[in-house]
């Protein structure tokens, strides 16, 4: 089951999958499998050119679910 979701509320030139991480601003990742772009709003991303969660990449850290808070 895909983790990424298609954007439907805001029309864009192209419909990109996105990951809801709880941040305020979306940024664009580039998955080398395909390759394809996907949007994310996690405030903790450091690498923007790695595999996406749908292609066995790590899921971005969600705001409020940080590993160091557990």
N, C-alpha and C. Protein backbone atom coordinates (compact mmCIF):
# COMPACT_ATOMS: atom_id res chain seq x y z
N UNK A 1 0.84 -1.17 0.00
CA UNK A 1 0.00 0.00 0.00
C UNK A 1 0.89 1.24 0.00
N UNK A 2 0.69 2.16 -0.92
CA UNK A 2 1.52 3.36 -0.99
C UNK A 2 1.34 4.25 0.23
N UNK A 3 2.44 4.80 0.70
CA UNK A 3 2.42 5.73 1.82
C UNK A 3 2.11 7.14 1.32
N UNK A 4 2.64 7.47 0.14
CA UNK A 4 2.44 8.80 -0.40
C UNK A 4 1.01 8.95 -0.92
N UNK A 5 0.49 10.16 -0.91
CA UNK A 5 -0.87 10.46 -1.31
C UNK A 5 -0.85 11.49 -2.43
N UNK A 6 -1.85 11.46 -3.31
CA UNK A 6 -1.95 12.46 -4.38
C UNK A 6 -2.58 13.73 -3.83
N UNK A 7 -2.01 14.89 -4.21
CA UNK A 7 -2.58 16.17 -3.81
C UNK A 7 -3.87 16.39 -4.58
N UNK A 8 -4.91 16.82 -3.89
CA UNK A 8 -6.17 17.05 -4.58
C UNK A 8 -6.77 18.41 -4.27
N UNK A 9 -6.44 19.03 -3.14
CA UNK A 9 -7.06 20.29 -2.75
C UNK A 9 -6.53 21.48 -3.54
N UNK A 10 -5.23 21.57 -3.74
CA UNK A 10 -4.62 22.71 -4.41
C UNK A 10 -4.21 22.28 -5.81
N UNK A 11 -4.79 22.87 -6.85
CA UNK A 11 -4.40 22.48 -8.20
C UNK A 11 -2.96 22.92 -8.48
N UNK A 12 -2.18 22.01 -9.03
CA UNK A 12 -0.80 22.29 -9.39
C UNK A 12 -0.61 21.94 -10.86
N UNK A 13 0.46 22.45 -11.49
CA UNK A 13 0.70 22.09 -12.89
C UNK A 13 0.77 20.58 -13.10
N UNK A 14 1.30 19.88 -12.12
CA UNK A 14 1.31 18.42 -12.17
C UNK A 14 0.95 17.92 -10.78
N UNK A 15 0.22 16.85 -10.70
CA UNK A 15 -0.18 16.31 -9.42
C UNK A 15 0.95 15.47 -8.85
N UNK A 16 1.54 15.92 -7.75
CA UNK A 16 2.66 15.23 -7.14
C UNK A 16 2.21 14.50 -5.89
N UNK A 17 2.75 13.30 -5.65
CA UNK A 17 2.47 12.65 -4.37
C UNK A 17 3.09 13.48 -3.25
N UNK A 18 2.52 13.37 -2.04
CA UNK A 18 3.08 14.12 -0.93
C UNK A 18 3.04 13.31 0.35
N UNK A 19 3.87 13.71 1.30
CA UNK A 19 3.94 13.10 2.62
C UNK A 19 3.61 14.18 3.64
N UNK A 20 2.61 13.95 4.46
CA UNK A 20 2.20 14.90 5.48
C UNK A 20 3.01 14.64 6.75
N UNK A 21 3.97 15.54 7.02
CA UNK A 21 4.84 15.38 8.18
C UNK A 21 4.57 16.38 9.28
N UNK A 22 3.58 17.25 9.10
CA UNK A 22 3.20 18.17 10.15
C UNK A 22 3.88 19.52 10.13
N UNK A 23 4.72 19.78 9.15
CA UNK A 23 5.39 21.07 9.08
C UNK A 23 4.52 22.13 8.44
N UNK A 24 5.09 23.30 8.23
CA UNK A 24 4.33 24.42 7.67
C UNK A 24 4.52 24.58 6.17
N UNK A 25 5.67 24.20 5.64
CA UNK A 25 5.99 24.45 4.25
C UNK A 25 6.39 23.16 3.55
N UNK A 26 5.88 22.94 2.34
CA UNK A 26 6.27 21.76 1.58
C UNK A 26 7.57 22.02 0.82
N UNK A 27 8.37 20.99 0.66
CA UNK A 27 9.57 21.04 -0.17
C UNK A 27 9.54 19.81 -1.06
N UNK A 28 10.32 19.81 -2.12
CA UNK A 28 10.29 18.75 -3.13
C UNK A 28 11.48 17.81 -2.97
N UNK A 29 11.18 16.51 -2.90
CA UNK A 29 12.19 15.45 -2.91
C UNK A 29 12.26 14.88 -4.32
N UNK A 30 13.37 14.25 -4.66
CA UNK A 30 13.54 13.60 -5.97
C UNK A 30 13.92 12.15 -5.72
N UNK A 31 13.01 11.22 -5.99
CA UNK A 31 13.26 9.79 -5.83
C UNK A 31 13.97 9.28 -7.08
N UNK A 32 15.12 8.59 -6.94
CA UNK A 32 15.83 8.10 -8.10
C UNK A 32 15.14 6.91 -8.78
N UNK A 33 14.16 6.29 -8.12
CA UNK A 33 13.44 5.16 -8.72
C UNK A 33 12.39 5.73 -9.66
N UNK A 34 12.65 5.74 -10.92
CA UNK A 34 11.69 6.31 -11.87
C UNK A 34 12.34 7.25 -12.85
N UNK A 35 12.93 8.32 -12.49
CA UNK A 35 12.82 9.07 -11.23
C UNK A 35 11.52 9.87 -11.19
N UNK A 36 11.14 10.30 -9.99
CA UNK A 36 9.94 11.12 -9.84
C UNK A 36 10.10 12.05 -8.64
N UNK A 37 9.33 13.12 -8.63
CA UNK A 37 9.34 14.08 -7.52
C UNK A 37 8.21 13.76 -6.56
N UNK A 38 8.38 14.14 -5.30
CA UNK A 38 7.30 14.06 -4.32
C UNK A 38 7.50 15.16 -3.30
N UNK A 39 6.39 15.66 -2.77
CA UNK A 39 6.41 16.77 -1.83
C UNK A 39 6.34 16.26 -0.40
N UNK A 40 6.92 17.03 0.52
CA UNK A 40 6.97 16.65 1.92
C UNK A 40 6.98 17.92 2.75
N UNK A 41 6.38 17.88 3.94
CA UNK A 41 6.44 19.04 4.81
C UNK A 41 7.05 18.72 6.17
N UNK A 42 7.81 17.64 6.25
CA UNK A 42 8.53 17.34 7.48
C UNK A 42 9.63 18.38 7.67
N UNK A 43 9.75 18.96 8.87
CA UNK A 43 10.79 19.96 9.09
C UNK A 43 12.17 19.35 9.33
N UNK A 44 12.31 18.03 9.25
CA UNK A 44 13.56 17.37 9.60
C UNK A 44 14.31 16.74 8.44
N UNK A 45 13.94 16.99 7.20
CA UNK A 45 14.61 16.38 6.05
C UNK A 45 15.98 17.01 5.82
N UNK A 46 16.96 16.17 5.58
CA UNK A 46 18.31 16.63 5.25
C UNK A 46 18.70 16.24 3.83
N UNK A 47 18.25 15.08 3.37
CA UNK A 47 18.57 14.58 2.03
C UNK A 47 17.30 14.61 1.19
N UNK A 48 17.37 15.28 0.04
CA UNK A 48 16.19 15.41 -0.82
C UNK A 48 16.27 14.55 -2.07
N UNK A 49 17.30 13.71 -2.19
CA UNK A 49 17.50 12.91 -3.40
C UNK A 49 17.62 11.42 -3.09
N UNK A 50 16.94 10.94 -2.07
CA UNK A 50 16.98 9.54 -1.70
C UNK A 50 15.66 8.87 -2.10
N UNK A 51 15.55 7.57 -1.93
CA UNK A 51 14.33 6.84 -2.26
C UNK A 51 13.15 7.34 -1.45
N UNK A 52 11.96 7.36 -2.05
CA UNK A 52 10.75 7.76 -1.34
C UNK A 52 10.23 6.58 -0.51
N UNK A 53 9.29 6.82 0.41
CA UNK A 53 8.75 5.72 1.22
C UNK A 53 8.08 4.62 0.39
N UNK A 54 7.53 4.95 -0.76
CA UNK A 54 6.89 3.94 -1.61
C UNK A 54 7.91 3.02 -2.30
N UNK A 55 9.17 3.43 -2.34
CA UNK A 55 10.23 2.63 -2.96
C UNK A 55 11.29 2.23 -1.94
N UNK A 56 10.84 1.85 -0.74
CA UNK A 56 11.68 1.34 0.34
C UNK A 56 12.59 2.39 0.98
N UNK A 57 12.33 3.68 0.75
CA UNK A 57 13.07 4.73 1.42
C UNK A 57 12.52 4.95 2.82
N UNK A 58 13.26 5.67 3.64
CA UNK A 58 12.81 5.97 4.99
C UNK A 58 11.65 6.96 4.97
N UNK A 59 10.69 6.74 5.84
CA UNK A 59 9.59 7.68 5.98
C UNK A 59 10.10 8.92 6.72
N UNK A 60 9.81 10.12 6.24
CA UNK A 60 10.27 11.32 6.94
C UNK A 60 9.72 11.39 8.37
N UNK A 61 10.47 12.03 9.26
CA UNK A 61 10.05 12.17 10.65
C UNK A 61 8.86 13.13 10.73
N UNK A 62 7.83 12.70 11.42
CA UNK A 62 6.64 13.54 11.60
C UNK A 62 6.82 14.45 12.80
N UNK A 63 6.42 15.68 12.66
CA UNK A 63 6.48 16.65 13.75
C UNK A 63 5.60 16.14 14.89
N UNK A 64 6.16 16.06 16.09
CA UNK A 64 5.44 15.54 17.25
C UNK A 64 5.72 14.08 17.51
N UNK A 65 6.30 13.36 16.53
CA UNK A 65 6.64 11.94 16.70
C UNK A 65 8.14 11.71 16.55
N UNK A 66 8.92 12.69 16.94
CA UNK A 66 10.36 12.61 16.80
C UNK A 66 10.92 11.47 17.67
N UNK A 67 11.88 10.69 17.14
CA UNK A 67 12.42 9.55 17.91
C UNK A 67 13.05 9.98 19.24
N UNK A 68 13.59 11.18 19.30
CA UNK A 68 14.24 11.61 20.54
C UNK A 68 13.23 12.00 21.63
N UNK A 69 11.94 12.05 21.30
CA UNK A 69 10.91 12.35 22.30
C UNK A 69 10.34 11.08 22.94
N UNK A 70 10.68 9.94 22.41
CA UNK A 70 10.10 8.67 22.90
C UNK A 70 10.79 8.22 24.14
